[in-house]
Amino acid sequence: MERMFSNRDLKRLIIPLIIEQILAVAVGMADIIMIGRAGESAISGVSLVNTINALLINIFAALATGGAVIAAQYIGKKDSEQARVSANQLLLISGILSLSIMGIVLIGNSVILRTIFGNVESSILENAQIYFLLSALSYPFLGLYNSCAGLFRAMGNSRVSMLTSLCMNIINVILNAVFVFGFGMGVAGVGLATLISRIFASVIMVVLIRIPRQEIYIEKKFSFKFNPDMIKKILRIGIPSGLENSSFQIGKILVLSLVASFGTSSIAANAVSGTVASFAVLPGVATGLALLTIVGQCVGAGNYEQAIYYTKKVMLYAFLGLAIVNAFIIIFAPAILSIYSLTEETASIAQKIIVYHSICCIIIWPLSFSLPNALRAASDVKYTMIVSTISMWTFRIGFSYVLGRYMGIGVFGIWVAMTIDWLFRSTCFTIRFLNGKWKEKTEMPLPHKTTA
């Protein structure tokens, strides 16, 4: 049987995604390192806002996922015209949603922060308000960037988003250095650098997605007319993914409120550990994004046998990648933490968290977060939403309070609760993939179906 993706195709898709994820995490680490010069209250303020940002950004990412899955399925079906229609509608609804969220955050900045983190120190809250304001201004640009990046990935072209991300992150780092070290702007400098770099990236991506020689492109005359049927298809994927992501991030915010009650050292240790943890999972994140494209196109072509084959193959890449990266992190954890301006107590807590997290990443993470993208690419989004929501509220949140507060383990107990959540997810998603029920969820008319 002729394979839809050669090994070369897989490398061209996955390697740029890994590089893009490395760039994103590296800049996140650079932000924390630079802002660390302003003290642990500045680190904590940025960390608290980034948790809220992750909630809002994941809404944009969910829309991009919906658009990318539909576009990939149309590409697999060899229907480029409808793929272009889906692209236009994705950018339209993404722009409207991101502008609306920006307006809400700009108006309710201090109210939102005080409601969620009202019990933190005033210096942390002040830094958080500044960073939240500048972050909000970047939401529309980030929404456009994510949507365009998703469309390029749906075409199997992850090189474009990688190169754009490279330019965006270089600008971000340079401006961080100028604003933080040159002008002493602290948190405001980090936020302004992020805003400018995202504006640049979104403009570049919009220009590139309008080039007509591509399989998916936005026509010169952008259509502001709503296509209800296409929007429904995108939202049928995007809404469950958005609800799943939102539930996940809301849970993290609630847990972070618990972390805030443990004091500044725990907040800072959690922030630094979170940054290192982002680096630890990046091979899995990259392979998960690749599965959206690969399985989406296989499902669009009605070829479930190849969808299964490529899922297993890409999952093997995920496990190998995570093993390599996390072995490196475990070995060099003390050296990594020495980069940050941390107290001895904070560094000790962070090292314990990082080593535990890396061990669990190697064993559990891919089945918890990479594998479900194969299910989503086949439109099996309600199942992943239900499992993720139940797991988040039952295990991650519930056990965080049991282990962290009532058993007195503190912030480390919260990370243990997180891995219990992973274990439940991985069990459910593996069973779902093996029993094949996900193959019944595709709603797009397909030319033929094959079974495995």
Protein backbone atom coordinates (compact mmCIF):
# COMPACT_ATOMS: atom_id res chain seq x y z
CA MET A 1 0.00 0.00 0.00
CA GLU A 2 1.27 3.46 -0.89
CA ARG A 3 1.78 5.54 2.24
CA MET A 4 0.34 9.05 2.38
CA PHE A 5 3.41 10.39 4.23
CA SER A 6 6.98 9.33 3.58
CA ASN A 7 9.60 9.41 6.32
CA ARG A 8 10.90 12.57 4.68
CA ASP A 9 7.41 14.13 4.90
CA LEU A 10 7.24 13.30 8.60
CA LYS A 11 10.66 14.83 9.25
CA ARG A 12 9.74 17.99 7.32
CA LEU A 13 6.60 18.32 9.44
CA ILE A 14 7.85 17.32 12.90
CA ILE A 15 11.38 18.79 13.04
CA PRO A 16 10.26 22.40 12.40
CA LEU A 17 7.52 21.94 15.00
CA ILE A 18 10.10 20.83 17.57
CA ILE A 19 12.32 23.80 16.73
CA GLU A 20 9.34 26.14 16.99
CA GLN A 21 8.45 24.75 20.41
CA ILE A 22 12.06 25.09 21.57
CA LEU A 23 12.06 28.74 20.48
CA ALA A 24 8.81 29.48 22.31
CA VAL A 25 9.97 27.86 25.54
CA ALA A 26 13.46 29.36 25.31
CA VAL A 27 11.98 32.84 25.07
CA GLY A 28 9.69 32.07 28.02
CA MET A 29 12.76 31.08 30.02
CA ALA A 30 14.58 34.22 28.87
CA ASP A 31 11.63 36.34 30.03
CA ILE A 32 11.76 34.80 33.50
CA ILE A 33 15.56 35.09 33.70
CA MET A 34 15.53 38.75 32.66
CA ILE A 35 12.63 39.72 34.86
CA GLY A 36 14.34 37.85 37.69
CA ARG A 37 16.70 40.82 37.98
CA ALA A 38 13.71 42.78 39.26
CA GLY A 39 13.13 40.29 42.11
CA GLU A 40 10.92 37.32 42.93
CA SER A 41 7.79 39.48 43.16
CA ALA A 42 8.25 40.38 39.48
CA ILE A 43 8.74 36.69 38.55
CA SER A 44 5.63 35.78 40.53
CA GLY A 45 3.54 38.55 38.96
CA VAL A 46 4.43 37.45 35.43
CA SER A 47 3.81 33.81 36.37
CA LEU A 48 0.33 34.51 37.72
CA VAL A 49 -0.68 36.44 34.59
CA ASN A 50 0.78 33.78 32.31
CA THR A 51 -1.59 31.27 33.87
CA ILE A 52 -4.56 33.47 32.89
CA ASN A 53 -2.95 34.12 29.51
CA ALA A 54 -2.70 30.39 28.95
CA LEU A 55 -6.46 30.08 29.52
CA LEU A 56 -7.25 32.81 26.98
CA ILE A 57 -4.59 31.78 24.48
CA ASN A 58 -5.86 28.20 24.54
CA ILE A 59 -9.23 29.47 23.39
CA PHE A 60 -7.53 30.85 20.27
CA ALA A 61 -5.57 27.62 19.94
CA ALA A 62 -8.80 25.60 20.13
CA LEU A 63 -10.26 27.59 17.25
CA ALA A 64 -7.05 27.11 15.29
CA THR A 65 -7.28 23.38 16.01
CA GLY A 66 -10.85 23.29 14.72
CA GLY A 67 -9.89 25.12 11.55
CA ALA A 68 -6.75 23.06 11.01
CA VAL A 69 -8.56 19.73 11.46
CA ILE A 70 -11.33 20.68 9.02
CA ALA A 71 -8.81 22.06 6.51
CA ALA A 72 -6.65 18.91 6.81
CA GLN A 73 -9.68 16.68 6.27
CA TYR A 74 -10.63 18.64 3.14
CA ILE A 75 -7.05 18.36 1.87
CA GLY A 76 -7.20 14.59 2.42
CA LYS A 77 -10.48 14.59 0.51
CA LYS A 78 -8.81 16.58 -2.33
CA ASP A 79 -11.26 19.47 -1.95
CA SER A 80 -9.01 22.55 -1.95
CA GLU A 81 -11.88 24.97 -2.54
CA GLN A 82 -13.65 24.05 0.68
CA ALA A 83 -10.30 24.04 2.50
CA ARG A 84 -9.87 27.70 1.45
CA VAL A 85 -13.39 28.51 2.61
CA SER A 86 -12.62 26.99 6.01
CA ALA A 87 -9.45 29.12 6.20
CA ASN A 88 -11.36 32.34 5.54
CA GLN A 89 -13.97 31.55 8.15
CA LEU A 90 -11.33 30.56 10.69
CA LEU A 91 -9.58 33.94 10.42
CA LEU A 92 -12.93 35.76 10.59
CA ILE A 93 -14.18 34.16 13.80
CA SER A 94 -10.71 34.13 15.36
CA GLY A 95 -10.38 37.89 14.82
CA ILE A 96 -13.79 38.62 16.32
CA LEU A 97 -13.21 36.41 19.35
CA SER A 98 -9.70 37.73 20.14
CA LEU A 99 -10.84 41.37 19.88
CA SER A 100 -13.74 40.63 22.23
CA ILE A 101 -11.49 38.97 24.82
CA MET A 102 -9.00 41.85 24.58
CA GLY A 103 -11.78 44.34 25.33
CA ILE A 104 -12.97 42.39 28.37
CA VAL A 105 -9.46 42.14 29.82
CA LEU A 106 -8.66 45.81 29.21
CA ILE A 107 -11.83 46.88 31.00
CA GLY A 108 -11.66 44.36 33.85
CA ASN A 109 -7.89 44.09 34.33
CA SER A 110 -7.58 44.80 38.04
CA VAL A 111 -10.96 43.25 38.91
CA ILE A 112 -10.02 39.95 37.26
CA LEU A 113 -6.64 39.78 39.00
CA ARG A 114 -7.99 40.76 42.42
CA THR A 115 -10.80 38.23 42.14
CA ILE A 116 -8.43 35.37 41.34
CA PHE A 117 -5.26 36.36 43.22
CA GLY A 118 -6.51 38.88 45.77
CA ASN A 119 -4.60 37.31 48.64
CA VAL A 120 -1.11 37.76 47.13
CA GLU A 121 1.33 40.47 48.12
CA SER A 122 0.65 43.97 46.77
CA SER A 123 3.98 44.14 44.90
CA ILE A 124 3.15 40.92 43.03
CA LEU A 125 -0.32 42.19 42.16
CA GLU A 126 1.06 45.51 40.88
CA ASN A 127 3.48 43.74 38.54
CA ALA A 128 0.72 41.41 37.40
CA GLN A 129 -1.57 44.31 36.44
CA ILE A 130 1.07 45.90 34.21
CA TYR A 131 1.90 42.64 32.45
CA PHE A 132 -1.78 41.68 32.04
CA LEU A 133 -2.57 44.99 30.30
CA LEU A 134 0.21 44.61 27.74
CA SER A 135 -0.61 40.94 27.22
CA ALA A 136 -4.24 41.79 26.43
CA LEU A 137 -3.21 44.17 23.65
CA SER A 138 -1.40 41.28 21.92
CA TYR A 139 -4.37 38.85 21.89
CA PRO A 140 -5.75 39.78 18.42
CA PHE A 141 -2.31 39.41 16.87
CA LEU A 142 -1.70 36.11 18.63
CA GLY A 143 -5.11 34.85 17.48
CA LEU A 144 -4.26 35.60 13.85
CA TYR A 145 -0.82 34.03 14.19
CA ASN A 146 -2.20 30.81 15.70
CA SER A 147 -4.90 30.52 13.02
CA CYS A 148 -2.47 31.00 10.14
CA ALA A 149 0.07 28.64 11.73
CA GLY A 150 -2.64 25.99 12.06
CA LEU A 151 -3.54 26.35 8.38
CA PHE A 152 0.07 25.98 7.25
CA ARG A 153 0.41 22.87 9.42
CA ALA A 154 -2.78 21.47 7.89
CA MET A 155 -0.97 21.66 4.54
CA GLY A 156 1.99 19.81 6.07
CA ASN A 157 4.09 22.98 6.00
CA SER A 158 5.37 23.65 9.51
CA ARG A 159 8.51 25.38 8.21
CA VAL A 160 6.66 28.67 7.72
CA SER A 161 5.47 28.92 11.32
CA MET A 162 8.93 27.83 12.52
CA LEU A 163 10.74 30.59 10.61
CA THR A 164 8.17 33.19 11.63
CA SER A 165 8.47 32.06 15.24
CA LEU A 166 12.25 32.34 14.97
CA CYS A 167 11.99 35.96 13.83
CA MET A 168 9.34 36.73 16.44
CA ASN A 169 11.41 35.30 19.27
CA ILE A 170 14.64 36.99 18.18
CA ILE A 171 12.79 40.31 18.22
CA ASN A 172 11.32 39.45 21.62
CA VAL A 173 14.70 38.63 23.18
CA ILE A 174 16.40 41.71 21.74
CA LEU A 175 13.62 44.03 22.89
CA ASN A 176 13.58 42.33 26.30
CA ALA A 177 17.26 43.14 26.70
CA VAL A 178 16.76 46.72 25.53
CA PHE A 179 13.68 47.44 27.67
CA VAL A 180 14.68 45.52 30.81
CA PHE A 181 18.44 46.09 30.97
CA GLY A 182 18.73 49.25 28.86
CA PHE A 183 15.76 51.22 30.16
CA GLY A 184 15.12 49.38 33.43
CA MET A 185 11.42 48.90 32.59
CA GLY A 186 11.06 45.57 34.43
CA VAL A 187 7.74 43.80 33.88
CA ALA A 188 6.54 46.54 31.51
CA GLY A 189 9.57 45.94 29.29
CA VAL A 190 8.88 42.21 29.05
CA GLY A 191 5.22 42.84 28.21
CA LEU A 192 6.01 45.49 25.58
CA ALA A 193 8.59 43.24 23.91
CA THR A 194 6.02 40.44 23.70
CA LEU A 195 3.41 42.78 22.19
CA ILE A 196 5.71 44.12 19.46
CA SER A 197 7.02 40.67 18.51
CA ARG A 198 3.48 39.27 18.20
CA ILE A 199 2.39 42.15 16.00
CA PHE A 200 5.33 41.42 13.69
CA ALA A 201 4.58 37.67 13.57
CA SER A 202 0.89 38.10 12.81
CA VAL A 203 1.55 40.54 9.95
CA ILE A 204 4.08 38.14 8.39
CA MET A 205 1.73 35.15 8.65
CA VAL A 206 -1.23 37.00 7.17
CA VAL A 207 0.92 38.12 4.22
CA LEU A 208 2.16 34.56 3.63
CA ILE A 209 -1.26 32.89 3.87
CA ARG A 210 -2.47 35.17 1.05
CA ILE A 211 0.01 33.75 -1.49
CA PRO A 212 -2.27 32.02 -4.06
CA ARG A 213 0.06 29.22 -5.23
CA GLN A 214 -0.57 27.31 -1.97
CA GLU A 215 -3.17 24.60 -1.46
CA ILE A 216 -4.83 26.81 1.17
CA TYR A 217 -4.74 30.57 0.86
CA ILE A 218 -6.84 33.61 1.71
CA GLU A 219 -8.02 35.45 -1.39
CA LYS A 220 -7.02 39.07 -1.92
CA LYS A 221 -10.57 40.20 -1.23
CA PHE A 222 -11.15 38.84 2.25
CA SER A 223 -14.74 37.72 2.78
CA PHE A 224 -16.41 39.12 5.89
CA LYS A 225 -19.53 37.10 5.10
CA PHE A 226 -20.32 34.33 7.56
CA ASN A 227 -20.65 30.80 6.19
CA PRO A 228 -22.84 29.12 8.83
CA ASP A 229 -22.20 25.55 7.65
CA MET A 230 -18.42 25.95 7.65
CA ILE A 231 -18.40 27.81 10.97
CA LYS A 232 -20.48 25.01 12.45
CA LYS A 233 -17.90 22.44 11.30
CA ILE A 234 -15.03 24.45 12.75
CA LEU A 235 -16.84 25.07 16.03
CA ARG A 236 -17.87 21.43 16.26
CA ILE A 237 -14.17 20.74 16.75
CA GLY A 238 -13.18 24.07 18.30
CA ILE A 239 -15.83 24.37 21.03
CA PRO A 240 -15.19 21.00 22.72
CA SER A 241 -11.44 21.63 22.41
CA GLY A 242 -11.94 25.13 23.80
CA LEU A 243 -14.05 23.87 26.70
CA GLU A 244 -11.46 21.19 27.40
CA ASN A 245 -8.60 23.69 27.32
CA SER A 246 -10.55 26.24 29.34
CA SER A 247 -11.42 23.68 31.99
CA PHE A 248 -7.77 22.68 32.10
CA GLN A 249 -6.53 26.25 32.51
CA ILE A 250 -9.24 27.22 35.01
CA GLY A 251 -8.16 24.23 37.05
CA LYS A 252 -4.56 25.41 36.86
CA ILE A 253 -5.60 28.88 38.02
CA LEU A 254 -7.45 27.41 40.99
CA VAL A 255 -4.43 25.30 41.82
CA LEU A 256 -2.19 28.35 41.43
CA SER A 257 -4.36 30.17 43.96
CA LEU A 258 -3.54 27.33 46.33
CA VAL A 259 0.17 27.68 45.48
CA ALA A 260 -0.06 31.41 46.23
CA SER A 261 -1.14 30.54 49.78
CA PHE A 262 2.16 28.70 50.34
CA GLY A 263 4.22 31.90 50.07
CA THR A 264 6.62 33.65 47.68
CA SER A 265 9.22 30.84 47.61
CA SER A 266 6.62 28.30 46.53
CA ILE A 267 5.20 30.68 43.90
CA ALA A 268 8.66 31.36 42.45
CA ALA A 269 9.65 27.65 42.55
CA ASN A 270 6.41 26.76 40.81
CA ALA A 271 7.02 29.45 38.16
CA VAL A 272 10.57 28.31 37.39
CA SER A 273 9.57 24.63 37.45
CA GLY A 274 6.72 25.42 35.08
CA THR A 275 9.10 27.06 32.63
CA VAL A 276 11.49 24.09 32.70
CA ALA A 277 8.52 21.71 32.46
CA SER A 278 7.44 23.46 29.25
CA PHE A 279 10.82 22.59 27.76
CA ALA A 280 10.53 19.02 29.08
CA VAL A 281 7.35 18.27 27.12
CA LEU A 282 8.14 20.01 23.84
CA PRO A 283 8.86 16.86 21.75
CA GLY A 284 5.42 15.62 22.80
CA VAL A 285 3.77 18.93 21.99
CA ALA A 286 5.39 18.97 18.54
CA THR A 287 4.40 15.40 17.70
CA GLY A 288 0.89 16.10 18.97
CA LEU A 289 0.56 19.02 16.56
CA ALA A 290 1.88 16.81 13.76
CA LEU A 291 -0.81 14.22 14.50
CA LEU A 292 -3.53 16.80 13.82
CA THR A 293 -2.25 17.18 10.27
CA ILE A 294 -1.34 13.56 9.61
CA VAL A 295 -4.43 11.87 11.05
CA GLY A 296 -6.68 14.66 9.75
CA GLN A 297 -5.55 14.06 6.17
CA CYS A 298 -5.79 10.28 6.56
CA VAL A 299 -9.32 10.57 7.92
CA GLY A 300 -10.27 13.01 5.15
CA ALA A 301 -9.14 10.39 2.64
CA GLY A 302 -11.17 7.77 4.52
CA ASN A 303 -8.04 5.73 5.22
CA TYR A 304 -8.20 4.72 8.88
CA GLU A 305 -5.60 1.99 8.50
CA GLN A 306 -2.97 4.60 7.71
CA ALA A 307 -4.30 6.85 10.48
CA ILE A 308 -3.57 4.05 12.97
CA TYR A 309 -0.19 3.29 11.41
CA TYR A 310 1.00 6.89 11.57
CA THR A 311 -0.37 7.45 15.07
CA LYS A 312 1.69 4.55 16.39
CA LYS A 313 4.76 5.71 14.49
CA VAL A 314 4.53 9.33 15.65
CA MET A 315 3.83 8.24 19.24
CA LEU A 316 7.10 6.27 19.17
CA TYR A 317 8.86 9.50 18.15
CA ALA A 318 7.16 11.25 21.08
CA PHE A 319 8.37 8.71 23.64
CA LEU A 320 11.93 8.75 22.29
CA GLY A 321 12.06 12.55 22.16
CA LEU A 322 10.74 12.95 25.70
CA ALA A 323 13.20 10.34 27.02
CA ILE A 324 16.17 12.20 25.55
CA VAL A 325 15.10 15.68 26.65
CA ASN A 326 14.10 14.70 30.18
CA ALA A 327 17.23 12.65 30.79
CA PHE A 328 19.18 15.81 29.97
CA ILE A 329 17.03 17.88 32.34
CA ILE A 330 17.43 15.41 35.23
CA ILE A 331 21.21 15.33 34.84
CA PHE A 332 21.64 19.09 34.52
CA ALA A 333 18.84 20.28 36.85
CA PRO A 334 21.23 22.01 39.31
CA ALA A 335 23.01 23.82 36.48
CA ILE A 336 19.70 24.90 34.93
CA LEU A 337 18.45 26.32 38.24
CA SER A 338 21.71 28.19 38.79
CA ILE A 339 20.76 30.42 35.85
CA TYR A 340 17.87 31.87 37.84
CA SER A 341 18.21 34.38 40.67
CA LEU A 342 16.62 32.12 43.32
CA THR A 343 17.03 31.78 47.05
CA GLU A 344 18.39 28.48 48.39
CA GLU A 345 14.94 27.42 49.63
CA THR A 346 13.28 28.18 46.29
CA ALA A 347 15.97 26.36 44.31
CA SER A 348 15.65 23.26 46.52
CA ILE A 349 11.89 23.06 46.02
CA ALA A 350 12.23 23.62 42.27
CA GLN A 351 14.84 20.88 41.80
CA LYS A 352 12.67 18.30 43.56
CA ILE A 353 9.71 19.23 41.34
CA ILE A 354 11.71 19.24 38.11
CA VAL A 355 13.26 15.78 38.61
CA TYR A 356 9.91 14.20 39.53
CA HIS A 357 8.16 15.88 36.59
CA SER A 358 10.79 14.68 34.10
CA ILE A 359 10.51 11.06 35.23
CA CYS A 360 6.73 11.14 34.79
CA CYS A 361 7.08 12.87 31.41
CA ILE A 362 9.05 9.96 30.01
CA ILE A 363 6.53 7.37 31.18
CA ILE A 364 3.08 8.96 31.00
CA TRP A 365 2.93 12.30 29.15
CA PRO A 366 2.69 11.20 25.48
CA LEU A 367 -0.37 9.03 26.06
CA SER A 368 -2.00 11.84 28.06
CA PHE A 369 -1.49 14.72 25.62
CA SER A 370 -0.04 13.61 22.26
CA LEU A 371 -2.34 10.63 21.64
CA PRO A 372 -5.63 12.53 22.12
CA ASN A 373 -4.70 14.77 19.16
CA ALA A 374 -5.11 11.73 16.92
CA LEU A 375 -8.65 11.38 18.29
CA ARG A 376 -9.34 15.10 17.78
CA ALA A 377 -8.10 14.92 14.20
CA ALA A 378 -10.80 12.30 13.59
CA SER A 379 -13.43 14.65 15.13
CA ASP A 380 -13.65 12.58 18.32
CA VAL A 381 -13.51 15.74 20.40
CA LYS A 382 -16.39 15.22 22.82
CA TYR A 383 -14.75 12.14 24.31
CA THR A 384 -11.42 13.89 24.88
CA MET A 385 -13.28 16.86 26.40
CA ILE A 386 -15.26 14.71 28.84
CA VAL A 387 -12.26 12.65 29.95
CA SER A 388 -10.02 15.70 30.34
CA THR A 389 -12.62 17.65 32.31
CA ILE A 390 -13.41 14.80 34.69
CA SER A 391 -9.73 14.08 35.20
CA MET A 392 -8.83 17.71 35.81
CA TRP A 393 -11.49 18.39 38.44
CA THR A 394 -11.33 15.02 40.16
CA PHE A 395 -7.63 14.27 40.22
CA ARG A 396 -5.58 17.41 39.56
CA ILE A 397 -7.67 19.84 41.60
CA GLY A 398 -9.05 17.44 44.19
CA PHE A 399 -5.74 15.77 44.94
CA SER A 400 -3.92 19.13 44.93
CA TYR A 401 -5.90 20.15 47.99
CA VAL A 402 -5.61 16.71 49.59
CA LEU A 403 -1.85 16.37 49.05
CA GLY A 404 -0.81 20.01 49.07
CA ARG A 405 -2.86 21.44 51.91
CA TYR A 406 -4.40 18.71 54.03
CA MET A 407 -1.42 16.32 53.96
CA GLY A 408 1.02 19.24 54.21
CA ILE A 409 3.20 18.32 51.21
CA GLY A 410 2.91 21.84 49.84
CA VAL A 411 3.66 22.79 46.23
CA PHE A 412 5.32 19.41 45.49
CA GLY A 413 2.02 17.68 46.36
CA ILE A 414 0.33 19.75 43.65
CA TRP A 415 2.74 18.39 41.05
CA VAL A 416 2.10 14.85 42.26
CA ALA A 417 -1.64 15.45 41.83
CA MET A 418 -0.95 16.63 38.28
CA THR A 419 0.72 13.33 37.37
CA ILE A 420 -2.19 11.36 38.83
CA ASP A 421 -4.35 13.32 36.38
CA TRP A 422 -1.98 12.29 33.57
CA LEU A 423 -2.27 8.62 34.50
CA PHE A 424 -6.07 8.66 34.32
CA ARG A 425 -6.08 10.48 30.97
CA SER A 426 -3.51 8.15 29.42
CA THR A 427 -5.53 5.09 30.44
CA CYS A 428 -8.77 6.42 28.94
CA PHE A 429 -7.21 7.69 25.69
CA THR A 430 -5.26 4.47 25.09
CA ILE A 431 -8.41 2.36 25.53
CA ARG A 432 -10.33 4.67 23.17
CA PHE A 433 -7.68 4.47 20.48
CA LEU A 434 -7.35 0.69 20.70
CA ASN A 435 -11.11 -0.04 20.63
CA GLY A 436 -11.51 2.06 17.45
CA LYS A 437 -14.66 3.95 18.43
CA TRP A 438 -12.99 7.22 17.37
CA LYS A 439 -13.36 6.09 13.73
CA GLU A 440 -17.14 6.52 13.99
CA LYS A 441 -17.02 10.24 14.84
CA THR A 442 -15.99 11.84 11.53
CA GLU A 443 -18.94 13.84 10.20
CA MET A 444 -17.43 14.94 6.87
CA PRO A 445 -18.67 12.92 3.88
CA LEU A 446 -15.80 10.65 2.87
CA PRO A 447 -15.02 8.91 -0.43
CA HIS A 448 -14.42 5.53 1.19
CA LYS A 449 -13.52 3.88 4.45
CA THR A 450 -11.02 1.20 5.26
CA THR A 451 -10.81 -0.70 8.50
CA ALA A 452 -7.88 -2.04 10.42
